[in-house]
Amino acid sequence: MQNADFENIISFDAATYDVNDYNYKALIAKDRKATDFTYNGVPSSGVFFTITKNSNGTISQTITLKLTASQTSKFEDDFEGVWDLIVQDAQVTSSYVREFEGDVIISPSVSRITDAGDFTEDTQE
């Protein structure tokens, strides 16, 4: 949704995986050919997620992919594209492996939130 924060938390098997052993990159693109699209009014081949690692030993291992409301507002209405998450072993930095991939749709919201945090209907026609 445009003008909204986005967060995707990915959990790993904490008994066998340590997120600190890896480097991560995640990107939204128009297509797998990196065709330019309009982002913030200018051509762009992709927008990176902010990625945060959370390692709690054998209790939990997660990474969080985030886009801020400011970032999602810069996509054109009804943007459709793809995303992927690539992972690099921190000890072997010569290659990446794609772990996840998917489709992206970023569309305007029907509901609006006022500065006071209340929902309102979009009555514009």
Protein backbone atom coordinates (compact mmCIF):
# COMPACT_ATOMS: atom_id res chain seq x y z
CA MET A 1 0.00 0.00 0.00
CA GLN A 2 1.32 3.43 -0.87
CA ASN A 3 2.09 5.83 1.98
CA ALA A 4 2.30 2.97 4.49
CA ASP A 5 5.16 1.22 6.21
CA PHE A 6 5.83 -2.32 5.00
CA GLU A 7 7.49 -5.04 7.06
CA ASN A 8 8.12 -8.70 6.29
CA ILE A 9 9.69 -10.86 9.02
CA ILE A 10 11.35 -14.06 7.82
CA SER A 11 12.11 -16.73 10.43
CA PHE A 12 14.77 -19.41 10.14
CA ASP A 13 15.31 -22.66 12.05
CA ALA A 14 17.20 -21.35 15.08
CA ALA A 15 18.65 -24.77 15.84
CA THR A 16 20.58 -24.89 12.56
CA TYR A 17 20.81 -21.33 11.22
CA ASP A 18 22.48 -18.15 12.44
CA VAL A 19 21.52 -14.99 10.53
CA ASN A 20 24.85 -13.42 11.52
CA ASP A 21 26.68 -15.94 9.31
CA TYR A 22 25.17 -14.33 6.21
CA ASN A 23 24.84 -11.03 4.33
CA TYR A 24 21.47 -10.18 2.78
CA LYS A 25 20.16 -7.97 -0.01
CA ALA A 26 16.54 -7.59 -1.11
CA LEU A 27 15.37 -5.59 -4.08
CA ILE A 28 12.11 -4.59 -5.76
CA ALA A 29 12.30 -4.29 -9.55
CA LYS A 30 9.86 -3.89 -12.43
CA ASP A 31 10.82 -7.29 -13.82
CA ARG A 32 13.68 -9.79 -13.84
CA LYS A 33 15.38 -7.80 -16.62
CA ALA A 34 15.70 -4.73 -14.33
CA THR A 35 13.64 -2.62 -16.70
CA ASP A 36 13.54 0.99 -15.52
CA PHE A 37 10.36 2.22 -13.83
CA THR A 38 9.39 5.57 -12.36
CA TYR A 39 10.27 5.94 -8.68
CA ASN A 40 10.04 9.35 -7.03
CA GLY A 41 9.51 10.86 -10.47
CA VAL A 42 12.75 9.55 -11.98
CA PRO A 43 13.79 6.34 -13.74
CA SER A 44 15.05 3.59 -11.42
CA SER A 45 16.05 -0.03 -11.98
CA GLY A 46 15.25 -1.05 -8.38
CA VAL A 47 14.56 -0.11 -4.78
CA PHE A 48 16.34 -1.86 -1.91
CA PHE A 49 14.65 -2.96 1.30
CA THR A 50 16.25 -2.08 4.63
CA ILE A 51 17.18 -5.39 6.27
CA THR A 52 17.61 -5.96 10.00
CA LYS A 53 19.01 -9.16 11.52
CA ASN A 54 17.71 -10.49 14.84
CA SER A 55 19.75 -13.32 16.31
CA ASN A 56 18.70 -14.76 19.66
CA GLY A 57 20.79 -17.93 19.79
CA THR A 58 18.74 -21.12 19.49
CA ILE A 59 15.53 -19.29 20.42
CA SER A 60 14.95 -17.25 17.26
CA GLN A 61 16.71 -16.26 14.05
CA THR A 62 14.93 -13.69 11.89
CA ILE A 63 15.52 -11.00 9.35
CA THR A 64 13.13 -8.11 8.77
CA LEU A 65 12.66 -6.50 5.37
CA LYS A 66 11.29 -2.95 5.57
CA LEU A 67 10.10 -0.10 3.41
CA THR A 68 9.01 3.15 5.03
CA ALA A 69 5.81 5.03 4.18
CA SER A 70 8.02 7.61 2.50
CA GLN A 71 9.51 4.91 0.25
CA THR A 72 6.16 3.31 -0.68
CA SER A 73 4.72 6.74 -1.51
CA LYS A 74 7.35 7.18 -4.23
CA PHE A 75 6.05 4.26 -6.34
CA GLU A 76 3.57 5.09 -9.09
CA ASP A 77 -0.07 4.15 -8.48
CA ASP A 78 -0.71 0.42 -8.95
CA PHE A 79 2.97 -0.44 -9.44
CA GLU A 80 3.46 -4.13 -10.23
CA GLY A 81 6.85 -5.77 -10.05
CA VAL A 82 8.94 -8.51 -8.49
CA TRP A 83 11.24 -8.83 -5.49
CA ASP A 84 13.89 -11.22 -4.33
CA LEU A 85 16.11 -11.84 -1.33
CA ILE A 86 19.66 -12.95 -1.99
CA VAL A 87 21.99 -14.35 0.64
CA GLN A 88 25.76 -14.44 0.78
CA ASP A 89 27.79 -16.58 3.17
CA ALA A 90 29.80 -14.04 5.17
CA GLN A 91 32.89 -16.27 4.94
CA VAL A 92 32.60 -16.95 1.19
CA THR A 93 31.85 -13.60 -0.39
CA SER A 94 32.25 -14.64 -4.01
CA SER A 95 28.61 -15.47 -4.72
CA TYR A 96 25.00 -14.95 -3.67
CA VAL A 97 22.12 -17.43 -3.57
CA ARG A 98 18.51 -16.39 -4.13
CA GLU A 99 16.48 -17.58 -1.14
CA PHE A 100 13.08 -15.99 -1.76
CA GLU A 101 11.24 -14.26 -4.58
CA GLY A 102 7.77 -12.96 -5.20
CA ASP A 103 5.44 -10.46 -6.80
CA VAL A 104 4.89 -6.88 -5.65
CA ILE A 105 1.77 -4.74 -6.01
CA ILE A 106 1.82 -1.26 -4.48
CA SER A 107 -1.52 0.49 -4.78
CA PRO A 108 -3.18 3.55 -3.28
CA SER A 109 -5.33 3.00 -0.21
CA VAL A 110 -9.07 3.41 -0.18
CA SER A 111 -8.92 4.47 3.48
CA ARG A 112 -7.07 7.53 4.67
CA ILE A 113 -5.57 8.16 8.08
CA THR A 114 -5.78 11.64 9.54
CA ASP A 115 -2.94 13.29 11.44
CA ALA A 116 -4.80 12.31 14.62
CA GLY A 117 -4.62 8.64 13.60
CA ASP A 118 -8.32 8.29 12.69
CA PHE A 119 -9.50 6.49 9.57
CA THR A 120 -11.50 8.47 7.02
CA GLU A 121 -13.13 7.58 3.73
CA ASP A 122 -11.68 8.87 0.51
CA THR A 123 -14.54 10.92 -0.88
CA GLN A 124 -12.64 12.32 -3.85
CA GLU A 125 -13.97 11.39 -7.23
